Amino acid sequence: MQKYKYLSYIFMALAILLSNVMCAAVAYNYCNMQWGIRYEGYSAPTNVAFLLVIPYAVGIVICVILACFFNKKQKNSI
């Protein structure tokens, strides 16, 4: 069915979009942490910014799994 093919494309595009947003968010938070450590006296290390990767990675994995699932379903329904 055609709808499974479109769902597969949508979830794959969402995974790519999430990965780009993840990179931007982590880079912003890393720079913010560096500035805060230098001028504001933050006590946490800059590596704390990388903890933001966890929820984005979970979302990306879920989107890729759903895209693969709908791609298989589309091939099986032909």
PDB file of N, CA and C in Angstrom:
ATOM      1  N   MET A   1       0.827  -1.178   0.000  1.00  0.00           N
ATOM      2  CA  MET A   1       0.000   0.000   0.000  1.00  0.00           C
ATOM      3  C   MET A   1       0.873   1.244   0.000  1.00  0.00           C
ATOM      4  N   GLN A   2       0.357   2.264  -0.597  1.00  0.00           N
ATOM      5  CA  GLN A   2       1.118   3.484  -0.770  1.00  0.00           C
ATOM      6  C   GLN A   2       1.314   4.254   0.539  1.00  0.00           C
ATOM      7  N   LYS A   3       0.354   4.132   1.457  1.00  0.00           N
ATOM      8  CA  LYS A   3       0.460   4.915   2.692  1.00  0.00           C
ATOM      9  C   LYS A   3       1.640   4.465   3.553  1.00  0.00           C
ATOM     10  N   TYR A   4       1.994   3.185   3.510  1.00  0.00           N
ATOM     11  CA  TYR A   4       3.149   2.704   4.273  1.00  0.00           C
ATOM     12  C   TYR A   4       4.446   3.284   3.727  1.00  0.00           C
ATOM     13  N   LYS A   5       4.509   3.424   2.411  1.00  0.00           N
ATOM     14  CA  LYS A   5       5.688   4.014   1.789  1.00  0.00           C
ATOM     15  C   LYS A   5       5.853   5.464   2.247  1.00  0.00           C
ATOM     16  N   TYR A   6       4.762   6.221   2.262  1.00  0.00           N
ATOM     17  CA  TYR A   6       4.824   7.610   2.699  1.00  0.00           C
ATOM     18  C   TYR A   6       5.158   7.712   4.183  1.00  0.00           C
ATOM     19  N   LEU A   7       4.606   6.834   4.990  1.00  0.00           N
ATOM     20  CA  LEU A   7       4.929   6.838   6.416  1.00  0.00           C
ATOM     21  C   LEU A   7       6.407   6.538   6.647  1.00  0.00           C
ATOM     22  N   SER A   8       6.950   5.634   5.861  1.00  0.00           N
ATOM     23  CA  SER A   8       8.373   5.317   5.962  1.00  0.00           C
ATOM     24  C   SER A   8       9.218   6.542   5.627  1.00  0.00           C
ATOM     25  N   TYR A   9       8.857   7.256   4.576  1.00  0.00           N
ATOM     26  CA  TYR A   9       9.591   8.461   4.191  1.00  0.00           C
ATOM     27  C   TYR A   9       9.468   9.555   5.252  1.00  0.00           C
ATOM     28  N   ILE A  10       8.276   9.694   5.825  1.00  0.00           N
ATOM     29  CA  ILE A  10       8.059  10.720   6.836  1.00  0.00           C
ATOM     30  C   ILE A  10       8.920  10.458   8.070  1.00  0.00           C
ATOM     31  N   PHE A  11       8.954   9.203   8.531  1.00  0.00           N
ATOM     32  CA  PHE A  11       9.737   8.893   9.718  1.00  0.00           C
ATOM     33  C   PHE A  11      11.234   8.999   9.455  1.00  0.00           C
ATOM     34  N   MET A  12      11.667   8.685   8.254  1.00  0.00           N
ATOM     35  CA  MET A  12      13.083   8.834   7.939  1.00  0.00           C
ATOM     36  C   MET A  12      13.463  10.313   7.878  1.00  0.00           C
ATOM     37  N   ALA A  13      12.596  11.136   7.293  1.00  0.00           N
ATOM     38  CA  ALA A  13      12.855  12.576   7.257  1.00  0.00           C
ATOM     39  C   ALA A  13      12.855  13.160   8.669  1.00  0.00           C
ATOM     40  N   LEU A  14      11.964  12.664   9.519  1.00  0.00           N
ATOM     41  CA  LEU A  14      11.920  13.137  10.898  1.00  0.00           C
ATOM     42  C   LEU A  14      13.187  12.758  11.653  1.00  0.00           C
ATOM     43  N   ALA A  15      13.728  11.576  11.390  1.00  0.00           N
ATOM     44  CA  ALA A  15      14.979  11.156  12.027  1.00  0.00           C
ATOM     45  C   ALA A  15      16.135  12.063  11.593  1.00  0.00           C
ATOM     46  N   ILE A  16      16.178  12.401  10.321  1.00  0.00           N
ATOM     47  CA  ILE A  16      17.235  13.297   9.827  1.00  0.00           C
ATOM     48  C   ILE A  16      17.079  14.686  10.429  1.00  0.00           C
ATOM     49  N   LEU A  17      15.848  15.174  10.497  1.00  0.00           N
ATOM     50  CA  LEU A  17      15.597  16.480  11.089  1.00  0.00           C
ATOM     51  C   LEU A  17      15.973  16.506  12.572  1.00  0.00           C
ATOM     52  N   LEU A  18      15.638  15.452  13.283  1.00  0.00           N
ATOM     53  CA  LEU A  18      15.994  15.370  14.704  1.00  0.00           C
ATOM     54  C   LEU A  18      17.505  15.359  14.902  1.00  0.00           C
ATOM     55  N   SER A  19      18.229  14.679  14.021  1.00  0.00           N
ATOM     56  CA  SER A  19      19.686  14.650  14.174  1.00  0.00           C
ATOM     57  C   SER A  19      20.285  16.033  13.961  1.00  0.00           C
ATOM     58  N   ASN A  20      19.741  16.798  13.010  1.00  0.00           N
ATOM     59  CA  ASN A  20      20.246  18.153  12.788  1.00  0.00           C
ATOM     60  C   ASN A  20      19.916  19.069  13.958  1.00  0.00           C
ATOM     61  N   VAL A  21      18.704  18.952  14.486  1.00  0.00           N
ATOM     62  CA  VAL A  21      18.308  19.768  15.635  1.00  0.00           C
ATOM     63  C   VAL A  21      19.153  19.394  16.855  1.00  0.00           C
ATOM     64  N   MET A  22      19.446  18.104  17.007  1.00  0.00           N
ATOM     65  CA  MET A  22      20.278  17.650  18.122  1.00  0.00           C
ATOM     66  C   MET A  22      21.658  18.290  18.052  1.00  0.00           C
ATOM     67  N   CYS A  23      22.261  18.309  16.873  1.00  0.00           N
ATOM     68  CA  CYS A  23      23.590  18.906  16.728  1.00  0.00           C
ATOM     69  C   CYS A  23      23.564  20.391  17.080  1.00  0.00           C
ATOM     70  N   ALA A  24      22.537  21.088  16.618  1.00  0.00           N
ATOM     71  CA  ALA A  24      22.445  22.524  16.903  1.00  0.00           C
ATOM     72  C   ALA A  24      22.234  22.781  18.388  1.00  0.00           C
ATOM     73  N   ALA A  25      21.370  22.008  19.025  1.00  0.00           N
ATOM     74  CA  ALA A  25      21.075  22.218  20.442  1.00  0.00           C
ATOM     75  C   ALA A  25      22.289  21.910  21.312  1.00  0.00           C
ATOM     76  N   VAL A  26      22.981  20.839  21.010  1.00  0.00           N
ATOM     77  CA  VAL A  26      24.158  20.477  21.796  1.00  0.00           C
ATOM     78  C   VAL A  26      25.271  21.506  21.600  1.00  0.00           C
ATOM     79  N   ALA A  27      25.463  21.957  20.370  1.00  0.00           N
ATOM     80  CA  ALA A  27      26.501  22.961  20.121  1.00  0.00           C
ATOM     81  C   ALA A  27      26.195  24.266  20.857  1.00  0.00           C
ATOM     82  N   TYR A  28      24.932  24.680  20.852  1.00  0.00           N
ATOM     83  CA  TYR A  28      24.551  25.904  21.560  1.00  0.00           C
ATOM     84  C   TYR A  28      24.788  25.757  23.058  1.00  0.00           C
ATOM     85  N   ASN A  29      24.346  24.637  23.624  1.00  0.00           N
ATOM     86  CA  ASN A  29      24.519  24.430  25.060  1.00  0.00           C
ATOM     87  C   ASN A  29      25.992  24.300  25.451  1.00  0.00           C
ATOM     88  N   TYR A  30      26.792  23.703  24.590  1.00  0.00           N
ATOM     89  CA  TYR A  30      28.226  23.582  24.864  1.00  0.00           C
ATOM     90  C   TYR A  30      28.878  24.966  24.898  1.00  0.00           C
ATOM     91  N   CYS A  31      28.545  25.790  23.915  1.00  0.00           N
ATOM     92  CA  CYS A  31      29.101  27.150  23.896  1.00  0.00           C
ATOM     93  C   CYS A  31      28.611  27.959  25.094  1.00  0.00           C
ATOM     94  N   ASN A  32      27.353  27.777  25.446  1.00  0.00           N
ATOM     95  CA  ASN A  32      26.804  28.474  26.605  1.00  0.00           C
ATOM     96  C   ASN A  32      27.516  28.039  27.884  1.00  0.00           C
ATOM     97  N   MET A  33      27.805  26.761  27.998  1.00  0.00           N
ATOM     98  CA  MET A  33      28.523  26.261  29.176  1.00  0.00           C
ATOM     99  C   MET A  33      29.944  26.823  29.217  1.00  0.00           C
ATOM    100  N   GLN A  34      30.618  26.886  28.074  1.00  0.00           N
ATOM    101  CA  GLN A  34      31.966  27.450  28.048  1.00  0.00           C
ATOM    102  C   GLN A  34      31.954  28.914  28.492  1.00  0.00           C
ATOM    103  N   TRP A  35      31.002  29.679  27.988  1.00  0.00           N
ATOM    104  CA  TRP A  35      30.898  31.069  28.373  1.00  0.00           C
ATOM    105  C   TRP A  35      30.597  31.192  29.862  1.00  0.00           C
ATOM    106  N   GLY A  36      29.672  30.355  30.346  1.00  0.00           N
ATOM    107  CA  GLY A  36      29.295  30.409  31.749  1.00  0.00           C
ATOM    108  C   GLY A  36      30.435  30.043  32.677  1.00  0.00           C
ATOM    109  N   ILE A  37      31.243  29.088  32.282  1.00  0.00           N
ATOM    110  CA  ILE A  37      32.393  28.697  33.109  1.00  0.00           C
ATOM    111  C   ILE A  37      33.410  29.833  33.161  1.00  0.00           C
ATOM    112  N   ARG A  38      33.621  30.473  32.030  1.00  0.00           N
ATOM    113  CA  ARG A  38      34.634  31.518  31.972  1.00  0.00           C
ATOM    114  C   ARG A  38      34.196  32.806  32.680  1.00  0.00           C
ATOM    115  N   TYR A  39      32.948  33.222  32.475  1.00  0.00           N
ATOM    116  CA  TYR A  39      32.543  34.543  32.958  1.00  0.00           C
ATOM    117  C   TYR A  39      31.549  34.530  34.118  1.00  0.00           C
ATOM    118  N   GLU A  40      30.758  33.489  34.260  1.00  0.00           N
ATOM    119  CA  GLU A  40      29.734  33.460  35.292  1.00  0.00           C
ATOM    120  C   GLU A  40      30.083  32.558  36.472  1.00  0.00           C
ATOM    121  N   GLY A  41      31.084  31.738  36.332  1.00  0.00           N
ATOM    122  CA  GLY A  41      31.508  30.885  37.427  1.00  0.00           C
ATOM    123  C   GLY A  41      30.713  29.602  37.569  1.00  0.00           C
ATOM    124  N   TYR A  42      30.222  29.054  36.443  1.00  0.00           N
ATOM    125  CA  TYR A  42      29.524  27.764  36.514  1.00  0.00           C
ATOM    126  C   TYR A  42      30.497  26.717  37.038  1.00  0.00           C
ATOM    127  N   SER A  43      29.977  25.763  37.799  1.00  0.00           N
ATOM    128  CA  SER A  43      30.857  24.757  38.372  1.00  0.00           C
ATOM    129  C   SER A  43      30.813  23.432  37.598  1.00  0.00           C
ATOM    130  N   ALA A  44      29.821  23.241  36.753  1.00  0.00           N
ATOM    131  CA  ALA A  44      29.720  21.992  35.991  1.00  0.00           C
ATOM    132  C   ALA A  44      30.668  22.039  34.792  1.00  0.00           C
ATOM    133  N   PRO A  45      31.213  20.898  34.401  1.00  0.00           N
ATOM    134  CA  PRO A  45      32.089  20.887  33.226  1.00  0.00           C
ATOM    135  C   PRO A  45      31.265  21.018  31.939  1.00  0.00           C
ATOM    136  N   THR A  46      31.943  21.351  30.853  1.00  0.00           N
ATOM    137  CA  THR A  46      31.232  21.535  29.581  1.00  0.00           C
ATOM    138  C   THR A  46      30.660  20.237  29.043  1.00  0.00           C
ATOM    139  N   ASN A  47      31.172  19.103  29.502  1.00  0.00           N
ATOM    140  CA  ASN A  47      30.661  17.816  29.024  1.00  0.00           C
ATOM    141  C   ASN A  47      29.208  17.575  29.414  1.00  0.00           C
ATOM    142  N   VAL A  48      28.700  18.341  30.357  1.00  0.00           N
ATOM    143  CA  VAL A  48      27.299  18.209  30.760  1.00  0.00           C
ATOM    144  C   VAL A  48      26.381  18.534  29.595  1.00  0.00           C
ATOM    145  N   ALA A  49      26.817  19.366  28.680  1.00  0.00           N
ATOM    146  CA  ALA A  49      26.007  19.717  27.516  1.00  0.00           C
ATOM    147  C   ALA A  49      25.709  18.497  26.654  1.00  0.00           C
ATOM    148  N   PHE A  50      26.571  17.502  26.698  1.00  0.00           N
ATOM    149  CA  PHE A  50      26.360  16.310  25.876  1.00  0.00           C
ATOM    150  C   PHE A  50      25.277  15.381  26.432  1.00  0.00           C
ATOM    151  N   LEU A  51      24.798  15.637  27.626  1.00  0.00           N
ATOM    152  CA  LEU A  51      23.686  14.847  28.156  1.00  0.00           C
ATOM    153  C   LEU A  51      22.403  15.107  27.385  1.00  0.00           C
ATOM    154  N   LEU A  52      22.336  16.215  26.671  1.00  0.00           N
ATOM    155  CA  LEU A  52      21.172  16.520  25.864  1.00  0.00           C
ATOM    156  C   LEU A  52      21.043  15.574  24.672  1.00  0.00           C
ATOM    157  N   VAL A  53      22.099  14.861  24.353  1.00  0.00           N
ATOM    158  CA  VAL A  53      22.067  13.912  23.239  1.00  0.00           C
ATOM    159  C   VAL A  53      21.115  12.750  23.533  1.00  0.00           C
ATOM    160  N   ILE A  54      20.976  12.371  24.782  1.00  0.00           N
ATOM    161  CA  ILE A  54      20.221  11.168  25.143  1.00  0.00           C
ATOM    162  C   ILE A  54      18.776  11.205  24.653  1.00  0.00           C
ATOM    163  N   PRO A  55      17.971  12.230  24.968  1.00  0.00           N
ATOM    164  CA  PRO A  55      16.585  12.196  24.485  1.00  0.00           C
ATOM    165  C   PRO A  55      16.475  12.293  22.965  1.00  0.00           C
ATOM    166  N   TYR A  56      17.372  13.060  22.347  1.00  0.00           N
ATOM    167  CA  TYR A  56      17.341  13.134  20.886  1.00  0.00           C
ATOM    168  C   TYR A  56      17.703  11.782  20.266  1.00  0.00           C
ATOM    169  N   ALA A  57      18.686  11.097  20.827  1.00  0.00           N
ATOM    170  CA  ALA A  57      19.082   9.789  20.295  1.00  0.00           C
ATOM    171  C   ALA A  57      17.948   8.783  20.413  1.00  0.00           C
ATOM    172  N   VAL A  58      17.229   8.823  21.520  1.00  0.00           N
ATOM    173  CA  VAL A  58      16.084   7.922  21.686  1.00  0.00           C
ATOM    174  C   VAL A  58      15.039   8.210  20.612  1.00  0.00           C
ATOM    175  N   GLY A  59      14.752   9.479  20.367  1.00  0.00           N
ATOM    176  CA  GLY A  59      13.788   9.846  19.328  1.00  0.00           C
ATOM    177  C   GLY A  59      14.233   9.431  17.945  1.00  0.00           C
ATOM    178  N   ILE A  60      15.515   9.586  17.650  1.00  0.00           N
ATOM    179  CA  ILE A  60      16.042   9.194  16.343  1.00  0.00           C
ATOM    180  C   ILE A  60      15.937   7.691  16.153  1.00  0.00           C
ATOM    181  N   VAL A  61      16.285   6.929  17.184  1.00  0.00           N
ATOM    182  CA  VAL A  61      16.205   5.465  17.094  1.00  0.00           C
ATOM    183  C   VAL A  61      14.765   5.023  16.887  1.00  0.00           C
ATOM    184  N   ILE A  62      13.828   5.626  17.597  1.00  0.00           N
ATOM    185  CA  ILE A  62      12.416   5.266  17.435  1.00  0.00           C
ATOM    186  C   ILE A  62      11.941   5.576  16.016  1.00  0.00           C
ATOM    187  N   CYS A  63      12.332   6.725  15.483  1.00  0.00           N
ATOM    188  CA  CYS A  63      11.934   7.080  14.118  1.00  0.00           C
ATOM    189  C   CYS A  63      12.521   6.123  13.080  1.00  0.00           C
ATOM    190  N   VAL A  64      13.770   5.735  13.266  1.00  0.00           N
ATOM    191  CA  VAL A  64      14.393   4.801  12.316  1.00  0.00           C
ATOM    192  C   VAL A  64      13.721   3.427  12.397  1.00  0.00           C
ATOM    193  N   ILE A  65      13.408   2.970  13.595  1.00  0.00           N
ATOM    194  CA  ILE A  65      12.728   1.683  13.749  1.00  0.00           C
ATOM    195  C   ILE A  65      11.360   1.720  13.085  1.00  0.00           C
ATOM    196  N   LEU A  66      10.616   2.802  13.292  1.00  0.00           N
ATOM    197  CA  LEU A  66       9.301   2.919  12.654  1.00  0.00           C
ATOM    198  C   LEU A  66       9.422   3.003  11.135  1.00  0.00           C
ATOM    199  N   ALA A  67      10.437   3.705  10.635  1.00  0.00           N
ATOM    200  CA  ALA A  67      10.635   3.786   9.188  1.00  0.00           C
ATOM    201  C   ALA A  67      10.937   2.408   8.609  1.00  0.00           C
ATOM    202  N   CYS A  68      11.773   1.638   9.278  1.00  0.00           N
ATOM    203  CA  CYS A  68      12.079   0.274   8.809  1.00  0.00           C
ATOM    204  C   CYS A  68      10.847  -0.614   8.880  1.00  0.00           C
ATOM    205  N   PHE A  69      10.065  -0.461   9.937  1.00  0.00           N
ATOM    206  CA  PHE A  69       8.849  -1.258  10.094  1.00  0.00           C
ATOM    207  C   PHE A  69       7.865  -0.975   8.953  1.00  0.00           C
ATOM    208  N   PHE A  70       7.625   0.292   8.659  1.00  0.00           N
ATOM    209  CA  PHE A  70       6.691   0.635   7.591  1.00  0.00           C
ATOM    210  C   PHE A  70       7.243   0.302   6.225  1.00  0.00           C
ATOM    211  N   ASN A  71       8.552   0.318   6.062  1.00  0.00           N
ATOM    212  CA  ASN A  71       9.153  -0.069   4.788  1.00  0.00           C
ATOM    213  C   ASN A  71       8.959  -1.565   4.558  1.00  0.00           C
ATOM    214  N   LYS A  72       9.153  -2.384   5.609  1.00  0.00           N
ATOM    215  CA  LYS A  72       8.911  -3.829   5.467  1.00  0.00           C
ATOM    216  C   LYS A  72       7.448  -4.110   5.216  1.00  0.00           C
ATOM    217  N   LYS A  73       6.571  -3.402   5.925  1.00  0.00           N
ATOM    218  CA  LYS A  73       5.137  -3.607   5.763  1.00  0.00           C
ATOM    219  C   LYS A  73       4.706  -3.248   4.347  1.00  0.00           C
ATOM    220  N   GLN A  74       5.302  -2.229   3.780  1.00  0.00           N
ATOM    221  CA  GLN A  74       4.972  -1.823   2.422  1.00  0.00           C
ATOM    222  C   GLN A  74       5.415  -2.893   1.428  1.00  0.00           C
ATOM    223  N   LYS A  75       6.584  -3.481   1.640  1.00  0.00           N
ATOM    224  CA  LYS A  75       7.066  -4.534   0.733  1.00  0.00           C
ATOM    225  C   LYS A  75       6.252  -5.814   0.862  1.00  0.00           C
ATOM    226  N   ASN A  76       5.795  -6.115   2.074  1.00  0.00           N
ATOM    227  CA  ASN A  76       5.002  -7.321   2.295  1.00  0.00           C
ATOM    228  C   ASN A  76       3.581  -7.197   1.756  1.00  0.00           C
ATOM    229  N   SER A  77       3.053  -5.980   1.650  1.00  0.00           N
ATOM    230  CA  SER A  77       1.672  -5.810   1.217  1.00  0.00           C
ATOM    231  C   SER A  77       1.526  -5.775  -0.293  1.00  0.00           C
ATOM    232  N   ILE A  78       2.648  -5.789  -1.028  1.00  0.00           N
ATOM    233  CA  ILE A  78       2.567  -5.767  -2.494  1.00  0.00           C
ATOM    234  C   ILE A  78       2.165  -7.098  -3.037  1.00  0.00           C
TER     235      ILE A  78
END
